[in-house]
Every structure is written in C-alpha cells, then in structure tokens.
C-alpha atoms as a PDB file:
ATOM      1  CA  MET A   1      75.546  62.037  49.497  1.00  0.00           C
ATOM      2  CA  ALA A   2      78.115  62.147  52.357  1.00  0.00           C
ATOM      3  CA  ARG A   3      79.806  65.107  50.621  1.00  0.00           C
ATOM      4  CA  VAL A   4      76.514  67.040  50.506  1.00  0.00           C
ATOM      5  CA  ALA A   5      75.836  66.302  54.161  1.00  0.00           C
ATOM      6  CA  SER A   6      79.361  67.384  55.073  1.00  0.00           C
ATOM      7  CA  THR A   7      79.049  70.645  53.102  1.00  0.00           C
ATOM      8  CA  ALA A   8      75.657  71.365  54.716  1.00  0.00           C
ATOM      9  CA  PHE A   9      77.124  70.753  58.168  1.00  0.00           C
ATOM     10  CA  ILE A  10      80.061  73.128  57.492  1.00  0.00           C
ATOM     11  CA  TRP A  11      77.636  75.799  56.254  1.00  0.00           C
ATOM     12  CA  LEU A  12      75.460  75.353  59.333  1.00  0.00           C
ATOM     13  CA  VAL A  13      78.398  75.643  61.736  1.00  0.00           C
ATOM     14  CA  ALA A  14      79.701  78.696  59.852  1.00  0.00           C
ATOM     15  CA  SER A  15      76.315  80.387  59.941  1.00  0.00           C
ATOM     16  CA  VAL A  16      75.871  79.739  63.656  1.00  0.00           C
ATOM     17  CA  THR A  17      79.405  80.602  64.740  1.00  0.00           C
ATOM     18  CA  GLY A  18      80.191  82.899  61.784  1.00  0.00           C
ATOM     19  CA  CYS A  19      81.655  86.342  62.043  1.00  0.00           C
ATOM     20  CA  ALA A  20      80.416  87.832  65.258  1.00  0.00           C
ATOM     21  CA  PHE A  21      79.543  91.522  65.319  1.00  0.00           C
ATOM     22  CA  GLU A  22      81.963  93.439  67.525  1.00  0.00           C
ATOM     23  CA  PRO A  23      82.352  97.183  66.993  1.00  0.00           C
ATOM     24  CA  ASP A  24      85.836  98.618  67.284  1.00  0.00           C
ATOM     25  CA  GLY A  25      86.601  99.650  70.869  1.00  0.00           C
ATOM     26  CA  ALA A  26      83.559  97.999  72.421  1.00  0.00           C
ATOM     27  CA  GLN A  27      84.032  97.492  76.173  1.00  0.00           C
ATOM     28  CA  PRO A  28      81.798  95.351  78.432  1.00  0.00           C
ATOM     29  CA  VAL A  29      80.027  97.398  81.132  1.00  0.00           C
ATOM     30  CA  ASP A  30      77.738  96.738  84.061  1.00  0.00           C
ATOM     31  CA  PRO A  31      74.332  98.231  83.418  1.00  0.00           C
ATOM     32  CA  PRO A  32      73.367 101.331  85.429  1.00  0.00           C
ATOM     33  CA  VAL A  33      70.582 100.913  88.008  1.00  0.00           C
ATOM     34  CA  ALA A  34      68.207 102.964  85.814  1.00  0.00           C
ATOM     35  CA  TYR A  35      68.258 100.165  83.216  1.00  0.00           C
ATOM     36  CA  ARG A  36      66.162  97.946  85.529  1.00  0.00           C
ATOM     37  CA  GLU A  37      63.381 100.565  85.683  1.00  0.00           C
ATOM     38  CA  TRP A  38      63.574 101.066  81.907  1.00  0.00           C
ATOM     39  CA  TRP A  39      63.373  97.297  81.438  1.00  0.00           C
ATOM     40  CA  SER A  40      60.201  97.177  83.566  1.00  0.00           C
ATOM     41  CA  ARG A  41      58.634  99.995  81.523  1.00  0.00           C
ATOM     42  CA  THR A  42      59.542  98.210  78.304  1.00  0.00           C
ATOM     43  CA  GLU A  43      58.008  94.922  79.549  1.00  0.00           C
ATOM     44  CA  ALA A  44      54.890  96.815  80.552  1.00  0.00           C
ATOM     45  CA  CYS A  45      54.345  98.639  77.255  1.00  0.00           C
ATOM     46  CA  SER A  46      55.118  95.589  75.112  1.00  0.00           C
ATOM     47  CA  GLY A  47      53.343  92.887  77.094  1.00  0.00           C
ATOM     48  CA  LEU A  48      56.538  90.824  76.853  1.00  0.00           C
ATOM     49  CA  ALA A  49      58.595  89.463  79.727  1.00  0.00           C
ATOM     50  CA  GLY A  50      62.252  88.554  80.018  1.00  0.00           C
ATOM     51  CA  ASP A  51      65.294  88.681  82.274  1.00  0.00           C
ATOM     52  CA  VAL A  52      67.329  91.861  82.060  1.00  0.00           C
ATOM     53  CA  THR A  53      70.258  90.097  83.759  1.00  0.00           C
ATOM     54  CA  ARG A  54      70.740  87.873  80.694  1.00  0.00           C
ATOM     55  CA  ILE A  55      71.910  90.854  78.623  1.00  0.00           C
ATOM     56  CA  ASP A  56      75.582  91.467  78.022  1.00  0.00           C
ATOM     57  CA  TRP A  57      76.139  95.224  77.683  1.00  0.00           C
ATOM     58  CA  SER A  58      78.989  96.894  75.793  1.00  0.00           C
ATOM     59  CA  VAL A  59      79.714 100.591  75.261  1.00  0.00           C
ATOM     60  CA  VAL A  60      81.457 101.798  72.128  1.00  0.00           C
ATOM     61  CA  PRO A  61      83.445 105.047  72.336  1.00  0.00           C
ATOM     62  CA  GLY A  62      81.992 108.053  70.533  1.00  0.00           C
ATOM     63  CA  GLU A  63      78.683 109.294  69.118  1.00  0.00           C
ATOM     64  CA  ASP A  64      78.009 106.247  66.910  1.00  0.00           C
ATOM     65  CA  PHE A  65      79.660 103.211  65.433  1.00  0.00           C
ATOM     66  CA  GLU A  66      79.739 101.145  62.268  1.00  0.00           C
ATOM     67  CA  CYS A  67      77.238  98.322  62.178  1.00  0.00           C
ATOM     68  CA  PRO A  68      75.888  96.060  59.393  1.00  0.00           C
ATOM     69  CA  THR A  69      73.113  98.526  58.587  1.00  0.00           C
ATOM     70  CA  GLY A  70      75.321 101.632  58.541  1.00  0.00           C
ATOM     71  CA  ARG A  71      76.018 103.972  61.468  1.00  0.00           C
ATOM     72  CA  CYS A  72      74.333 103.094  64.770  1.00  0.00           C
ATOM     73  CA  VAL A  73      73.979 104.528  68.246  1.00  0.00           C
ATOM     74  CA  GLY A  74      72.631 101.224  69.517  1.00  0.00           C
ATOM     75  CA  ARG A  75      72.539  97.642  68.294  1.00  0.00           C
ATOM     76  CA  TRP A  76      70.957  94.478  69.618  1.00  0.00           C
ATOM     77  CA  GLU A  77      72.544  91.145  68.725  1.00  0.00           C
ATOM     78  CA  ARG A  78      71.107  87.638  69.129  1.00  0.00           C
ATOM     79  CA  GLY A  79      72.489  85.963  72.213  1.00  0.00           C
ATOM     80  CA  HIS A  80      71.355  88.901  74.373  1.00  0.00           C
ATOM     81  CA  HIS A  81      74.107  91.400  73.640  1.00  0.00           C
ATOM     82  CA  ILE A  82      73.424  95.132  73.390  1.00  0.00           C
ATOM     83  CA  TYR A  83      76.002  97.651  72.074  1.00  0.00           C
ATOM     84  CA  LEU A  84      75.544 101.335  72.844  1.00  0.00           C
ATOM     85  CA  ALA A  85      77.509 104.325  71.624  1.00  0.00           C
ATOM     86  CA  GLU A  86      79.027 105.953  74.691  1.00  0.00           C
ATOM     87  CA  ALA A  87      77.305 109.287  74.003  1.00  0.00           C
ATOM     88  CA  TRP A  88      73.901 107.534  74.013  1.00  0.00           C
ATOM     89  CA  ALA A  89      74.328 104.975  76.809  1.00  0.00           C
ATOM     90  CA  ALA A  90      72.205 107.123  79.167  1.00  0.00           C
ATOM     91  CA  ASN A  91      69.493 107.915  76.598  1.00  0.00           C
ATOM     92  CA  GLU A  92      66.276 106.177  77.600  1.00  0.00           C
ATOM     93  CA  LEU A  93      64.970 105.901  74.045  1.00  0.00           C
ATOM     94  CA  VAL A  94      68.106 104.271  72.692  1.00  0.00           C
ATOM     95  CA  VAL A  95      68.482 101.862  75.606  1.00  0.00           C
ATOM     96  CA  ARG A  96      64.843 100.871  75.745  1.00  0.00           C
ATOM     97  CA  HIS A  97      64.688 100.452  71.936  1.00  0.00           C
ATOM     98  CA  GLU A  98      67.455  97.831  72.197  1.00  0.00           C
ATOM     99  CA  MET A  99      65.780  96.265  75.237  1.00  0.00           C
ATOM    100  CA  LEU A 100      62.630  95.807  73.216  1.00  0.00           C
ATOM    101  CA  HIS A 101      64.603  93.951  70.539  1.00  0.00           C
ATOM    102  CA  ASP A 102      65.913  91.622  73.284  1.00  0.00           C
ATOM    103  CA  LEU A 103      62.372  91.035  74.611  1.00  0.00           C
ATOM    104  CA  MET A 104      61.090  90.284  71.088  1.00  0.00           C
ATOM    105  CA  GLY A 105      64.106  88.140  70.265  1.00  0.00           C
ATOM    106  CA  HIS A 106      64.499  89.479  66.734  1.00  0.00           C
ATOM    107  CA  PRO A 107      65.418  92.562  64.719  1.00  0.00           C
ATOM    108  CA  GLY A 108      62.926  94.701  62.840  1.00  0.00           C
ATOM    109  CA  HIS A 109      60.428  97.255  64.049  1.00  0.00           C
ATOM    110  CA  PRO A 110      56.925  95.785  63.855  1.00  0.00           C
ATOM    111  CA  ASN A 111      54.121  98.041  65.036  1.00  0.00           C
ATOM    112  CA  PRO A 112      53.114  97.012  67.644  1.00  0.00           C
ATOM    113  CA  PRO A 113      55.112  96.800  69.840  1.00  0.00           C
ATOM    114  CA  PHE A 114      57.271  99.589  68.320  1.00  0.00           C
ATOM    115  CA  GLY A 115      55.303 102.765  67.837  1.00  0.00           C
ATOM    116  CA  SER A 116      51.891 101.701  69.132  1.00  0.00           C
ATOM    117  CA  GLY A 117      52.329 100.245  72.567  1.00  0.00           C
ATOM    118  CA  CYS A 118      55.969 101.255  73.043  1.00  0.00           C
ATOM    119  CA  PRO A 119      56.818 104.654  71.535  1.00  0.00           C
ATOM    120  CA  LEU A 120      60.465 103.603  71.090  1.00  0.00           C
ATOM    121  CA  THR A 121      61.285 104.964  67.675  1.00  0.00           C
ATOM    122  CA  TRP A 122      62.629 108.403  66.694  1.00  0.00           C
ATOM    123  CA  GLU A 123      59.218 109.236  65.216  1.00  0.00           C
ATOM    124  CA  THR A 124      57.102 108.176  68.200  1.00  0.00           C
ATOM    125  CA  TRP A 125      59.251 109.044  71.232  1.00  0.00           C
ATOM    126  CA  PRO A 126      57.409 111.568  73.441  1.00  0.00           C
ATOM    127  CA  GLY A 127      60.553 112.855  75.168  1.00  0.00           C
ATOM    128  CA  PRO A 128      62.964 115.603  74.127  1.00  0.00           C
ATOM    129  CA  ARG A 129      64.035 115.346  70.495  1.00  0.00           C
ATOM    130  CA  HIS A 130      66.717 118.043  70.066  1.00  0.00           C
ATOM    131  CA  ALA A 131      69.737 115.700  70.060  1.00  0.00           C
ATOM    132  CA  MET A 132      67.867 112.980  68.125  1.00  0.00           C
ATOM    133  CA  ASP A 133      66.746 115.191  65.215  1.00  0.00           C
ATOM    134  CA  ARG A 134      70.247 115.683  63.895  1.00  0.00           C
ATOM    135  CA  LEU A 135      71.061 111.974  63.916  1.00  0.00           C
ATOM    136  CA  GLY A 136      68.012 110.389  62.328  1.00  0.00           C
ATOM    137  CA  PRO A 137      67.304 106.634  62.385  1.00  0.00           C
ATOM    138  CA  LEU A 138      70.524 105.273  63.854  1.00  0.00           C
ATOM    139  CA  VAL A 139      68.978 102.837  66.331  1.00  0.00           C
ATOM    140  CA  ASP A 140      69.135  99.289  65.014  1.00  0.00           C
END
C-alpha cells in the first residue's frame, strides 16, 4: 500500500510541476498600456472579473510559434502566463482572446463567452480580417 501511495504522490508532483510550456525565444515583457483597456472590455463582454496585473506576459519572436496544439500566435497557460507571437502582440483580437482564457481560468472556447458575448474568435471578430484570413485558427 505504501508503494501505491508513493507512486501516486510522484505522479501528482510530476503532473503539477511537469514539463512547463516555454516556446523557443520567449522573452518576458511589460504589457503595453492598451492592454488595460482591452482587459476592461474583455471583463465587460464576458461578465467575468480578474486582475490583469497577475498575468506574466512573454513575446515570442516571429509570426507564430510551436505550441502543444500546433502553430500558435497566442497561448494562455495556467498560472496566468500569456505568450504572444511578436507579430501579433499588438493585435486586439489575439491579446483579448488570451485574456479571456485567463478570466475563465481554463482552455477551450465555450460559447458564450467566446462568440456570443465576446466576439473573440477568428469567425466572430468584427474588426479587420485581412491579416487573419491567411493564418486561420492559430489562437489557443
């Protein structure tokens, strides 16, 4: 019985501390002032509240980066960490999409708040789409 408990404990520690996601070249950054306004808009459309200052932001060089689901331009990780491809770090849709994950506290794209409520998917975003059309669903 002690062996089973010991194995379960090791598995638990490994799953909690396991391999952390860290894209190649990711650099911590201070969020631009615009992110606070975008956070407020995301709270308002979702009906959720949180603290934007709890988020650790990192920028990854280039147009996109490798992530567990394929190629991404943005990625939210538990523990309040958001990674953004450098080319998309000023894109309101990409940034707010990841903010909404942080407010929800989990991955996935339930509707609402994604789509209805917060139009923060490629399909529902009301803003310019020209740069987004060629990339497809790269926000995770």
